Structures are given as structure tokens and as C-alpha cells.
Amino acid sequence: MQSEVSDVAVIGGGPGGSTAAFYLSRRGYRVVVLDKEKFPRFHIGESLLPFNLEIFDDMGVHEDLRQAGFVEKHAAEFASSDGGIDEKFYFKDGLVPGRPMAYQVLRSEFDHILLKRAAKEGALVREESVVTDCVVSPERVELRVEPKDGSPYTLVSRLVVDASGQHTFLASRLGLKTVYPDHRKFAVFAHFKNAERAPGREGGNIIIFSLEDGGWFWFIPLAGNVTSLGLVLGHEAVKAQSGRIEAYFEERIQGTPALRARMSNAERASPVRTISNFSYMSSRFAGERFVLVGDAAAFLDPIFSSGVYMAMSSARMAAESIHEAFRANDFGARRFRGYERAQRGQLKVYFRLIRAYYRPEFREMFLCPSNRLRLQDTVVSVLAGCTEQPLGMRLRVNLFYFIGWLSRFIPLSPKLYRGLVWS
């Protein structure tokens, strides 16, 4: 079998893989990116965060995103299923100053822009190339690669970056992956044409519709008058509808008054798809000669649209740690402890907020927020992607969670969901 040599092999060409490849190539390393699919390809996760924009500027892709015509997102809205409550969290109001907007993107185009940027920087991109095996030794990493066109070959690298997303290539093989049993969700989703939107800038907001059974709908406006609509429910609730998912999805839309009004003239423009949203975490994010980034290391519920930002920010941080490892000629697990510690810290910020959202008292706080002591502005900063929090913000975040806990016993918010059994 033929073999090829590189400094770094990257498994996966999504946002995490492309970002890692870009930064490592910019440092002068020979990087090979391997992805089993042909780009552009469909992917979910279309709503981005304002803190993404700093990375876009650094990578030199921001102008490409503007030219692609992606919809600007200036706020996140949280609405009740009947439409009676609709609260907007504007990014410009964040406690920590930052970018006032983000983008809603068609991931097939967005991911392709990033992958092409990595290639332009010097990364060797191999699409339709399946990695079937990975052997990590103290001296090197050997990947077995099977391209769609051509003979299988061995790629020998000094280090491998796993950016394989929810396929969790290395974490699954090394037994590192732990699924959180209380966060076993499923999403049912599709694209629609001609859904009703608010006029002007408000029309670009993501809207989260809270449902009485604990589930929620996302409503994401995309370019070309396309809207991504998805329903997230507990695993058992979706499993019970096996064989009639399409009909069930339509029934839930029609059974949600706020959505029914927006979708009255809408036409479905894609198949109805499903995907598991099982939150999980790897016991290690790095080891001897390997680093995990993005969803390959951990996956969080998509409620706060943190996926792309976490993938790209972790990849940028991983690339810097890998550069330091090359400088020291040391690829041991200890070398990447700083990277892992920082990533777990960022994930903790979002996982804490996600866990809170699935409690009735916190969902009520999102629907009926208070800005006393700038608590709502603090939450806005978290929603925007601010995970490195100054002291004043950390104190307010902890106060927010304390108030949520206290409201279980003292009526501090309207009781919208109490007494209901959530899936």
C-alpha cells in the first residue's frame, strides 16, 4: 500500500477542521484534510453567534460571507407557542461590548467557503476520502484512507486533529465518549419557502418557540426566502412517532398557533429530516499525538446555536497548542492540558445554561426577563458567545442562576409551565 507523509492530518472538513487546517497551514505546516463527503454538502446548524465574526475577520472570509448574501441576525427571540409572548435579546445590548450581529447561513455554502479558505492557505484538501483506521504510536500517527477514486493509502503524520463532528471518529474508537442520559433529544426539521417573517432587520432573528411539553421549535430565516424550521423533543416522544415523522411534524406545526400563522403560506422545500441531539462529552480532548475539536470532543443541545462557534474557537485554540508542541518537539498528552482546560471551561458556560433552560422556572425567565442589575444584558453576552467572562459578568451570571433556583419556591416569574410533565 502506498504511503504519504504530512505534519498534521485533519479528519473532517467542516468548520472545525477547516479552521484548524487554516491556522496550521498559516504557520507553515503540511496539513492534509480528509472528508468523506463532496462539498458543498447539506448540514444542519445554520445560526451563528456574534463572537464568530472575530474569527471570520482573522481568517479573511468575512467579505466572502457578505457576498454570499447570508441573512443578518441581530437578536435571538424567545416566544410562547401561542404567540402571546415574544421577547427579543439584542446582541448590541450585551454587558460585554462586542459585535451587534451574526449570520444565519446555508451550511452547504458556509462550510465550503471555509474549506476553500483553508486550501487557499496551503492545506491539501481530499474530499470523498474515508478514514477507515487510525493507529497512534509514540512516534507517529498512521491513517488508512480509502478515496472514492483511487487506491487506498496510508497517511503518516506527526499528529492528528479529529474534527469529524458527531461521528466522533477517535472518541468512539478509544472509548472516550459519554452520553448524558438526561439530554437525549431528537430534532425533526426541514426547509420551507415563503414563511412569514417580520419586516426589516427583525426578519433575520432566530426565534425559539417554547412548547408546553418541554420541546421547542427553531425558526431560522435564511437567504432566498428560505426558512429552516425544526422541532426538538425528547427521544421517547419522537420514537413513539416512528413511521409517521413527516405527518407528526406537520401536526406539531399546526398545533402551535404562533407557528401556524407564520407557516400558512409556506411550502416545504426539502425532505423532512431527523437527527439525534444526544449531548455527550469525551473524557479526554487530547492525548499523545491527537487532539479533538468541536463536536468530535463534545456536543451540546443546539438551543443556543453554539455549535459552529465552539468548533471554530476550539480549532483555533488547538492549532496554537499544536504549534507549541511542534516547537517543543513534544506531542505528549501533557502538552495539551491547557487546551483541554480552556475548552472544558467554555463548554461549561453553555452546558450550564442549556441545563437551566430545560427547567420550567428558567424558561419562564427567558420569556419574561428582567434587566435589573443588567441581568438580561448579561444573558445576551452569553448568547452572543462570550465565554471568557470578566468578574462583573461572572457575578451576574451566578445571580441569574440563583434567582432561577429561588423562583422554584418563590413566585418571581409568571408561572407558565409549572405542573406540566416535560418529555
Protein backbone atom coordinates (compact mmCIF):
# COMPACT_ATOMS: atom_id res chain seq x y z
CA MET A 1 0.00 0.00 0.00
CA GLN A 2 1.29 3.45 -0.89
CA SER A 3 2.00 5.96 1.84
CA GLU A 4 2.13 9.74 2.14
CA VAL A 5 3.69 11.96 4.80
CA SER A 6 2.29 15.12 6.41
CA ASP A 7 2.86 17.14 9.57
CA VAL A 8 -0.80 17.13 10.59
CA ALA A 9 -3.77 15.08 9.39
CA VAL A 10 -7.22 16.57 9.92
CA ILE A 11 -10.24 14.25 9.88
CA GLY A 12 -13.27 16.25 8.75
CA GLY A 13 -13.61 19.35 6.59
CA GLY A 14 -16.39 21.14 8.47
CA PRO A 15 -15.90 24.44 10.35
CA GLY A 16 -13.64 22.88 13.00
CA GLY A 17 -11.46 21.01 10.52
CA SER A 18 -11.21 23.91 8.09
CA THR A 19 -10.31 26.34 10.86
CA ALA A 20 -7.62 24.07 12.32
CA ALA A 21 -6.21 23.47 8.83
CA PHE A 22 -6.16 27.19 8.06
CA TYR A 23 -4.27 28.20 11.20
CA LEU A 24 -1.78 25.34 10.97
CA SER A 25 -1.16 25.97 7.28
CA ARG A 26 -0.60 29.64 8.03
CA ARG A 27 2.14 28.53 10.43
CA GLY A 28 3.81 26.67 7.57
CA TYR A 29 2.90 23.06 8.40
CA ARG A 30 1.99 20.49 5.77
CA VAL A 31 -1.68 19.76 6.54
CA VAL A 32 -3.92 17.19 4.86
CA VAL A 33 -7.70 17.47 5.35
CA LEU A 34 -9.73 14.30 4.77
CA ASP A 35 -13.51 14.34 4.45
CA LYS A 36 -15.74 11.51 3.34
CA GLU A 37 -18.17 13.82 1.52
CA LYS A 38 -18.04 16.07 -1.53
CA PHE A 39 -18.50 19.78 -0.80
CA PRO A 40 -20.84 21.61 -0.85
CA ARG A 41 -22.94 19.18 1.18
CA PHE A 42 -26.00 19.55 3.40
CA HIS A 43 -25.53 20.19 7.10
CA ILE A 44 -27.69 21.47 9.92
CA GLY A 45 -26.67 24.16 12.44
CA GLU A 46 -27.40 27.33 10.48
CA SER A 47 -27.50 30.03 13.15
CA LEU A 48 -24.18 31.60 14.14
CA LEU A 49 -23.04 33.78 17.06
CA PRO A 50 -21.59 37.33 17.02
CA PHE A 51 -18.30 36.16 18.54
CA ASN A 52 -17.77 34.11 15.36
CA LEU A 53 -17.08 37.34 13.48
CA GLU A 54 -13.67 37.87 15.06
CA ILE A 55 -12.53 34.52 13.67
CA PHE A 56 -14.06 35.30 10.26
CA ASP A 57 -12.07 38.53 10.12
CA ASP A 58 -8.87 36.78 11.19
CA MET A 59 -9.31 34.08 8.55
CA GLY A 60 -10.15 36.63 5.87
CA VAL A 61 -13.53 35.14 4.98
CA HIS A 62 -15.85 37.86 6.25
CA GLU A 63 -16.17 39.54 2.87
CA ASP A 64 -16.95 36.16 1.28
CA LEU A 65 -19.79 35.71 3.77
CA ARG A 66 -21.18 39.16 2.97
CA GLN A 67 -21.06 38.45 -0.75
CA ALA A 68 -22.85 35.13 -0.20
CA GLY A 69 -25.88 37.14 0.94
CA PHE A 70 -26.37 35.39 4.27
CA VAL A 71 -29.11 36.86 6.46
CA GLU A 72 -28.01 39.15 9.29
CA LYS A 73 -29.09 38.09 12.77
CA HIS A 74 -29.37 40.95 15.27
CA ALA A 75 -31.26 39.24 18.08
CA ALA A 76 -32.50 35.96 19.48
CA GLU A 77 -36.21 35.80 20.22
CA PHE A 78 -37.92 33.56 22.76
CA ALA A 79 -41.65 33.17 22.17
CA SER A 80 -44.54 31.26 23.65
CA SER A 81 -46.33 28.74 21.47
CA ASP A 82 -49.48 30.88 21.29
CA GLY A 83 -47.53 33.98 20.23
CA GLY A 84 -48.70 35.96 23.24
CA ILE A 85 -45.14 36.42 24.49
CA ASP A 86 -42.18 37.33 22.28
CA GLU A 87 -39.03 38.61 24.00
CA LYS A 88 -36.06 39.83 21.98
CA PHE A 89 -32.46 39.65 23.21
CA TYR A 90 -30.50 42.15 21.09
CA PHE A 91 -26.79 41.42 20.79
CA LYS A 92 -25.96 45.15 20.81
CA ASP A 93 -27.19 45.28 24.41
CA GLY A 94 -24.72 42.74 25.76
CA LEU A 95 -22.99 43.50 29.03
CA VAL A 96 -19.62 42.82 27.38
CA PRO A 97 -19.20 45.00 24.28
CA GLY A 98 -18.89 43.05 21.06
CA ARG A 99 -20.36 42.57 17.62
CA PRO A 100 -24.04 43.57 17.33
CA MET A 101 -24.96 40.88 14.82
CA ALA A 102 -24.23 37.43 13.44
CA TYR A 103 -25.33 35.48 10.37
CA GLN A 104 -27.91 32.85 9.51
CA VAL A 105 -26.17 30.66 6.93
CA LEU A 106 -26.86 27.89 4.49
CA ARG A 107 -24.28 25.47 5.85
CA SER A 108 -23.51 23.88 2.50
CA GLU A 109 -22.25 27.26 1.22
CA PHE A 110 -20.75 28.42 4.51
CA ASP A 111 -18.73 25.26 5.13
CA HIS A 112 -17.49 25.28 1.55
CA ILE A 113 -16.24 28.87 1.94
CA LEU A 114 -14.21 27.86 4.99
CA LEU A 115 -12.81 24.72 3.35
CA LYS A 116 -11.74 26.67 0.27
CA ARG A 117 -10.06 29.25 2.50
CA ALA A 118 -8.04 26.51 4.21
CA ALA A 119 -6.99 25.18 0.79
CA LYS A 120 -6.00 28.66 -0.36
CA GLU A 121 -3.80 28.97 2.73
CA GLY A 122 -1.99 25.79 1.67
CA ALA A 123 -3.88 22.87 3.21
CA LEU A 124 -4.23 19.79 0.97
CA VAL A 125 -7.94 19.03 0.87
CA ARG A 126 -9.03 15.49 -0.01
CA GLU A 127 -12.79 15.18 -0.40
CA GLU A 128 -14.62 11.86 -0.75
CA SER A 129 -11.82 10.24 1.22
CA VAL A 130 -12.89 7.94 4.04
CA VAL A 131 -10.60 7.35 7.01
CA THR A 132 -11.14 3.72 7.95
CA ASP A 133 -8.48 3.25 10.62
CA CYS A 134 -6.13 5.24 12.81
CA VAL A 135 -3.11 3.88 14.67
CA VAL A 136 -1.43 6.22 17.14
CA SER A 137 2.03 5.31 18.39
CA PRO A 138 4.64 7.25 20.38
CA GLU A 139 6.47 8.04 17.12
CA ARG A 140 3.70 8.84 14.65
CA VAL A 141 0.08 8.54 13.53
CA GLU A 142 -0.96 6.28 10.65
CA LEU A 143 -4.32 6.76 8.95
CA ARG A 144 -5.73 4.32 6.44
CA VAL A 145 -7.52 6.32 3.75
CA GLU A 146 -9.90 5.00 1.10
CA PRO A 147 -10.62 7.62 -1.58
CA LYS A 148 -13.65 7.31 -3.82
CA ASP A 149 -11.42 7.44 -6.87
CA GLY A 150 -8.10 5.71 -6.44
CA SER A 151 -6.41 3.08 -4.33
CA PRO A 152 -6.30 3.01 -0.51
CA TYR A 153 -3.19 4.54 1.00
CA THR A 154 -1.59 5.25 4.38
CA LEU A 155 -1.18 8.83 5.56
CA VAL A 156 1.66 9.12 8.07
CA SER A 157 1.52 12.24 10.26
CA ARG A 158 3.14 13.56 13.37
CA LEU A 159 -0.27 14.43 14.84
CA VAL A 160 -3.95 14.03 14.01
CA VAL A 161 -6.79 16.50 14.61
CA ASP A 162 -10.19 14.85 14.87
CA ALA A 163 -12.82 17.25 13.55
CA SER A 164 -15.23 14.51 12.48
CA GLY A 165 -18.20 16.09 14.26
CA GLN A 166 -20.87 13.82 15.70
CA HIS A 167 -19.20 10.84 14.03
CA THR A 168 -16.66 11.15 16.90
CA PHE A 169 -14.11 9.07 15.00
CA LEU A 170 -11.41 8.86 17.67
CA ALA A 171 -13.56 9.26 20.78
CA SER A 172 -15.69 6.28 19.74
CA ARG A 173 -12.67 4.10 18.93
CA LEU A 174 -10.85 4.99 22.14
CA GLY A 175 -13.90 4.62 24.37
CA LEU A 176 -13.83 8.26 25.49
CA LYS A 177 -17.45 9.23 24.74
CA THR A 178 -20.09 9.53 27.48
CA VAL A 179 -23.70 10.40 26.59
CA TYR A 180 -25.70 12.44 29.10
CA PRO A 181 -28.83 10.34 29.78
CA ASP A 182 -30.96 13.37 30.72
CA HIS A 183 -30.22 15.12 27.42
CA ARG A 184 -31.36 12.57 24.87
CA LYS A 185 -33.16 14.76 22.33
CA PHE A 186 -34.18 14.36 18.72
CA ALA A 187 -34.69 17.05 16.10
CA VAL A 188 -37.14 16.88 13.19
CA PHE A 189 -36.57 19.62 10.63
CA ALA A 190 -36.97 20.86 7.06
CA HIS A 191 -36.56 23.96 4.89
CA PHE A 192 -39.60 25.96 3.78
CA LYS A 193 -40.20 28.72 1.24
CA ASN A 194 -42.41 31.77 1.90
CA ALA A 195 -42.76 31.51 5.66
CA GLU A 196 -43.90 34.81 7.12
CA ARG A 197 -41.17 36.99 8.65
CA ALA A 198 -41.11 40.32 10.43
CA PRO A 199 -40.17 43.29 8.22
CA GLY A 200 -36.70 44.81 8.20
CA ARG A 201 -33.90 43.71 10.49
CA GLU A 202 -36.30 41.86 12.79
CA GLY A 203 -36.91 39.40 9.98
CA GLY A 204 -33.42 37.95 10.45
CA ASN A 205 -33.84 36.98 14.09
CA ILE A 206 -33.78 33.37 15.18
CA ILE A 207 -36.98 32.56 17.09
CA ILE A 208 -37.25 29.82 19.71
CA PHE A 209 -40.87 28.80 20.30
CA SER A 210 -41.32 27.14 23.70
CA LEU A 211 -43.82 24.29 23.85
CA GLU A 212 -45.89 23.15 26.80
CA ASP A 213 -44.39 19.65 26.76
CA GLY A 214 -40.85 20.97 27.18
CA GLY A 215 -39.94 20.79 23.50
CA TRP A 216 -39.24 23.75 21.25
CA PHE A 217 -39.21 24.86 17.64
CA TRP A 218 -36.41 26.78 15.96
CA PHE A 219 -37.30 29.28 13.23
CA ILE A 220 -34.20 30.42 11.30
CA PRO A 221 -34.56 32.82 8.34
CA LEU A 222 -32.15 32.02 5.51
CA ALA A 223 -31.35 33.74 2.21
CA GLY A 224 -33.65 33.30 -0.78
CA ASN A 225 -36.81 33.47 1.35
CA VAL A 226 -35.99 30.05 2.82
CA THR A 227 -36.65 29.29 6.48
CA SER A 228 -35.16 26.44 8.47
CA LEU A 229 -37.78 25.06 10.86
CA GLY A 230 -37.01 22.37 13.38
CA LEU A 231 -38.74 20.65 16.30
CA VAL A 232 -36.68 19.37 19.26
CA LEU A 233 -38.25 16.83 21.61
CA GLY A 234 -37.23 14.08 23.96
CA HIS A 235 -36.01 10.86 22.39
CA GLU A 236 -39.02 8.81 23.52
CA ALA A 237 -41.53 11.32 22.14
CA VAL A 238 -40.01 11.08 18.66
CA LYS A 239 -39.51 7.32 18.89
CA ALA A 240 -43.24 6.91 19.52
CA GLN A 241 -43.91 8.50 16.10
CA SER A 242 -41.72 6.09 14.16
CA GLY A 243 -43.06 5.62 10.64
CA ARG A 244 -45.04 8.87 10.54
CA ILE A 245 -42.44 11.55 11.29
CA GLU A 246 -43.47 13.76 8.36
CA ALA A 247 -47.12 13.76 9.38
CA TYR A 248 -46.20 14.30 13.03
CA PHE A 249 -44.02 17.29 12.14
CA GLU A 250 -46.91 18.89 10.26
CA GLU A 251 -49.31 18.17 13.13
CA ARG A 252 -46.99 19.88 15.60
CA ILE A 253 -46.66 22.93 13.34
CA GLN A 254 -50.43 23.20 13.00
CA GLY A 255 -50.83 22.65 16.74
CA THR A 256 -48.59 25.62 17.57
CA PRO A 257 -50.67 28.79 16.97
CA ALA A 258 -47.72 31.18 16.68
CA LEU A 259 -46.13 28.96 14.02
CA ARG A 260 -49.35 28.10 12.24
CA ALA A 261 -49.85 31.78 11.44
CA ARG A 262 -46.32 32.15 10.08
CA MET A 263 -46.47 28.97 8.02
CA SER A 264 -49.93 29.39 6.47
CA ASN A 265 -48.47 30.19 3.01
CA ALA A 266 -45.24 28.25 3.38
CA GLU A 267 -44.21 25.39 1.07
CA ARG A 268 -41.77 22.72 2.11
CA ALA A 269 -38.59 22.93 0.02
CA SER A 270 -36.64 19.94 1.36
CA PRO A 271 -37.21 16.48 2.76
CA VAL A 272 -38.17 16.19 6.43
CA ARG A 273 -35.02 15.03 8.21
CA THR A 274 -34.24 13.80 11.71
CA ILE A 275 -31.06 13.90 13.75
CA SER A 276 -30.20 12.83 17.27
CA ASN A 277 -29.24 15.62 19.64
CA PHE A 278 -27.76 13.39 22.32
CA SER A 279 -25.46 15.60 24.38
CA TYR A 280 -22.13 13.92 25.10
CA MET A 281 -18.64 14.66 26.37
CA SER A 282 -15.31 12.93 25.83
CA SER A 283 -13.32 12.01 28.91
CA ARG A 284 -10.25 13.42 27.16
CA PHE A 285 -10.00 16.13 24.50
CA ALA A 286 -6.41 15.26 23.62
CA GLY A 287 -3.77 12.61 24.10
CA GLU A 288 -0.43 11.58 22.74
CA ARG A 289 -0.36 12.86 19.14
CA PHE A 290 -4.11 13.55 18.88
CA VAL A 291 -6.47 16.47 19.55
CA LEU A 292 -10.27 16.55 19.36
CA VAL A 293 -12.08 19.74 18.32
CA GLY A 294 -15.73 20.78 18.09
CA ASP A 295 -18.38 18.06 18.16
CA ALA A 296 -15.69 15.39 17.94
CA ALA A 297 -14.91 16.26 21.58
CA ALA A 298 -18.35 17.23 22.92
CA PHE A 299 -21.83 18.01 21.63
CA LEU A 300 -24.31 20.30 23.33
CA ASP A 301 -28.02 20.74 22.72
CA PRO A 302 -28.42 23.25 19.83
CA ILE A 303 -30.84 25.55 21.68
CA PHE A 304 -28.32 28.43 21.89
CA SER A 305 -26.65 27.97 18.48
CA SER A 306 -23.19 27.46 19.98
CA GLY A 307 -22.03 24.61 17.72
CA VAL A 308 -20.20 26.43 14.92
CA TYR A 309 -18.60 28.93 17.27
CA MET A 310 -17.39 26.22 19.63
CA ALA A 311 -15.99 24.23 16.69
CA MET A 312 -14.08 27.18 15.25
CA SER A 313 -12.86 28.64 18.54
CA SER A 314 -11.68 25.22 19.75
CA ALA A 315 -9.92 24.60 16.43
CA ARG A 316 -8.12 27.94 16.58
CA MET A 317 -7.01 27.23 20.14
CA ALA A 318 -5.98 23.67 19.23
CA ALA A 319 -3.88 24.95 16.33
CA GLU A 320 -1.94 27.21 18.69
CA SER A 321 -1.34 24.33 21.12
CA ILE A 322 -0.21 22.11 18.25
CA HIS A 323 2.20 24.80 17.07
CA GLU A 324 3.74 24.93 20.54
CA ALA A 325 4.00 21.13 20.53
CA PHE A 326 5.94 21.24 17.26
CA ARG A 327 8.26 23.94 18.63
CA ALA A 328 8.99 21.79 21.67
CA ASN A 329 9.02 18.54 19.66
CA ASP A 330 6.74 17.17 22.37
CA PHE A 331 3.40 15.60 21.38
CA GLY A 332 2.55 14.01 24.72
CA ALA A 333 -0.83 14.34 26.38
CA ARG A 334 0.52 16.79 28.98
CA ARG A 335 1.33 19.26 26.25
CA PHE A 336 -2.38 19.78 25.52
CA ARG A 337 -3.68 20.15 29.08
CA GLY A 338 -4.07 23.90 28.71
CA TYR A 339 -6.17 23.44 25.58
CA GLU A 340 -8.41 20.89 27.25
CA ARG A 341 -8.87 23.01 30.37
CA ALA A 342 -9.86 26.05 28.30
CA GLN A 343 -12.30 24.06 26.18
CA ARG A 344 -13.99 22.47 29.15
CA GLY A 345 -14.38 25.93 30.64
CA GLN A 346 -16.14 27.22 27.52
CA LEU A 347 -18.38 24.18 27.29
CA LYS A 348 -19.33 24.53 30.96
CA VAL A 349 -20.72 28.01 30.29
CA TYR A 350 -23.14 26.71 27.67
CA PHE A 351 -23.96 23.39 29.25
CA ARG A 352 -24.98 25.15 32.45
CA LEU A 353 -27.31 27.45 30.51
CA ILE A 354 -28.76 24.56 28.49
CA ARG A 355 -29.49 22.53 31.61
CA ALA A 356 -31.21 25.57 33.10
CA TYR A 357 -33.36 26.18 30.01
CA TYR A 358 -34.96 22.76 30.33
CA ARG A 359 -36.29 23.67 33.77
CA PRO A 360 -39.68 25.46 33.77
CA GLU A 361 -38.56 28.33 36.01
CA PHE A 362 -35.66 29.27 33.74
CA ARG A 363 -37.72 29.03 30.57
CA GLU A 364 -40.15 31.44 32.20
CA MET A 365 -37.25 33.80 32.88
CA PHE A 366 -36.39 33.81 29.16
CA LEU A 367 -39.99 34.56 28.24
CA CYS A 368 -40.43 37.22 30.94
CA PRO A 369 -36.92 38.61 31.56
CA SER A 370 -35.86 41.37 33.92
CA ASN A 371 -32.90 43.68 33.29
CA ARG A 372 -32.42 44.70 36.89
CA LEU A 373 -28.69 44.81 37.62
CA ARG A 374 -28.35 44.24 33.84
CA LEU A 375 -29.11 40.54 34.18
CA GLN A 376 -30.77 40.35 30.77
CA ASP A 377 -27.76 42.10 29.19
CA THR A 378 -25.56 39.51 30.90
CA VAL A 379 -27.53 36.66 29.34
CA VAL A 380 -27.27 38.45 25.98
CA SER A 381 -23.47 38.33 26.21
CA VAL A 382 -23.57 34.59 26.88
CA LEU A 383 -25.94 34.10 23.94
CA ALA A 384 -23.52 36.09 21.77
CA GLY A 385 -20.64 33.73 22.57
CA CYS A 386 -18.85 35.45 25.45
CA THR A 387 -17.36 32.53 27.38
CA GLU A 388 -14.33 34.35 28.81
CA GLN A 389 -16.20 36.35 31.42
CA PRO A 390 -14.86 39.28 33.46
CA LEU A 391 -15.59 39.31 37.20
CA GLY A 392 -18.66 41.54 36.99
CA MET A 393 -20.22 39.28 34.40
CA ARG A 394 -19.45 36.11 36.37
CA LEU A 395 -21.12 37.57 39.46
CA ARG A 396 -24.23 38.47 37.46
CA VAL A 397 -24.33 35.05 35.81
CA ASN A 398 -24.27 33.39 39.22
CA LEU A 399 -27.01 35.75 40.42
CA PHE A 400 -29.11 34.79 37.39
CA TYR A 401 -28.87 31.11 38.31
CA PHE A 402 -29.58 31.84 41.96
CA ILE A 403 -32.76 33.73 41.04
CA GLY A 404 -33.80 30.82 38.83
CA TRP A 405 -33.27 28.39 41.69
CA LEU A 406 -35.11 30.68 44.12
CA SER A 407 -38.08 31.02 41.78
CA ARG A 408 -38.79 27.32 42.29
CA PHE A 409 -40.01 28.29 45.76
CA ILE A 410 -40.94 31.99 45.47
CA PRO A 411 -43.10 33.31 42.58
CA LEU A 412 -40.59 35.62 40.84
CA SER A 413 -41.80 34.97 37.26
CA PRO A 414 -45.22 34.21 35.75
CA LYS A 415 -45.98 30.51 36.19
CA LEU A 416 -46.31 29.43 32.57
CA TYR A 417 -45.19 25.81 32.74
CA ARG A 418 -45.50 24.65 36.33
CA GLY A 419 -47.15 21.31 36.92
CA LEU A 420 -46.58 20.08 33.38
CA VAL A 421 -44.68 16.88 32.67
CA TRP A 422 -41.99 17.53 30.07
CA SER A 423 -40.56 14.99 27.65
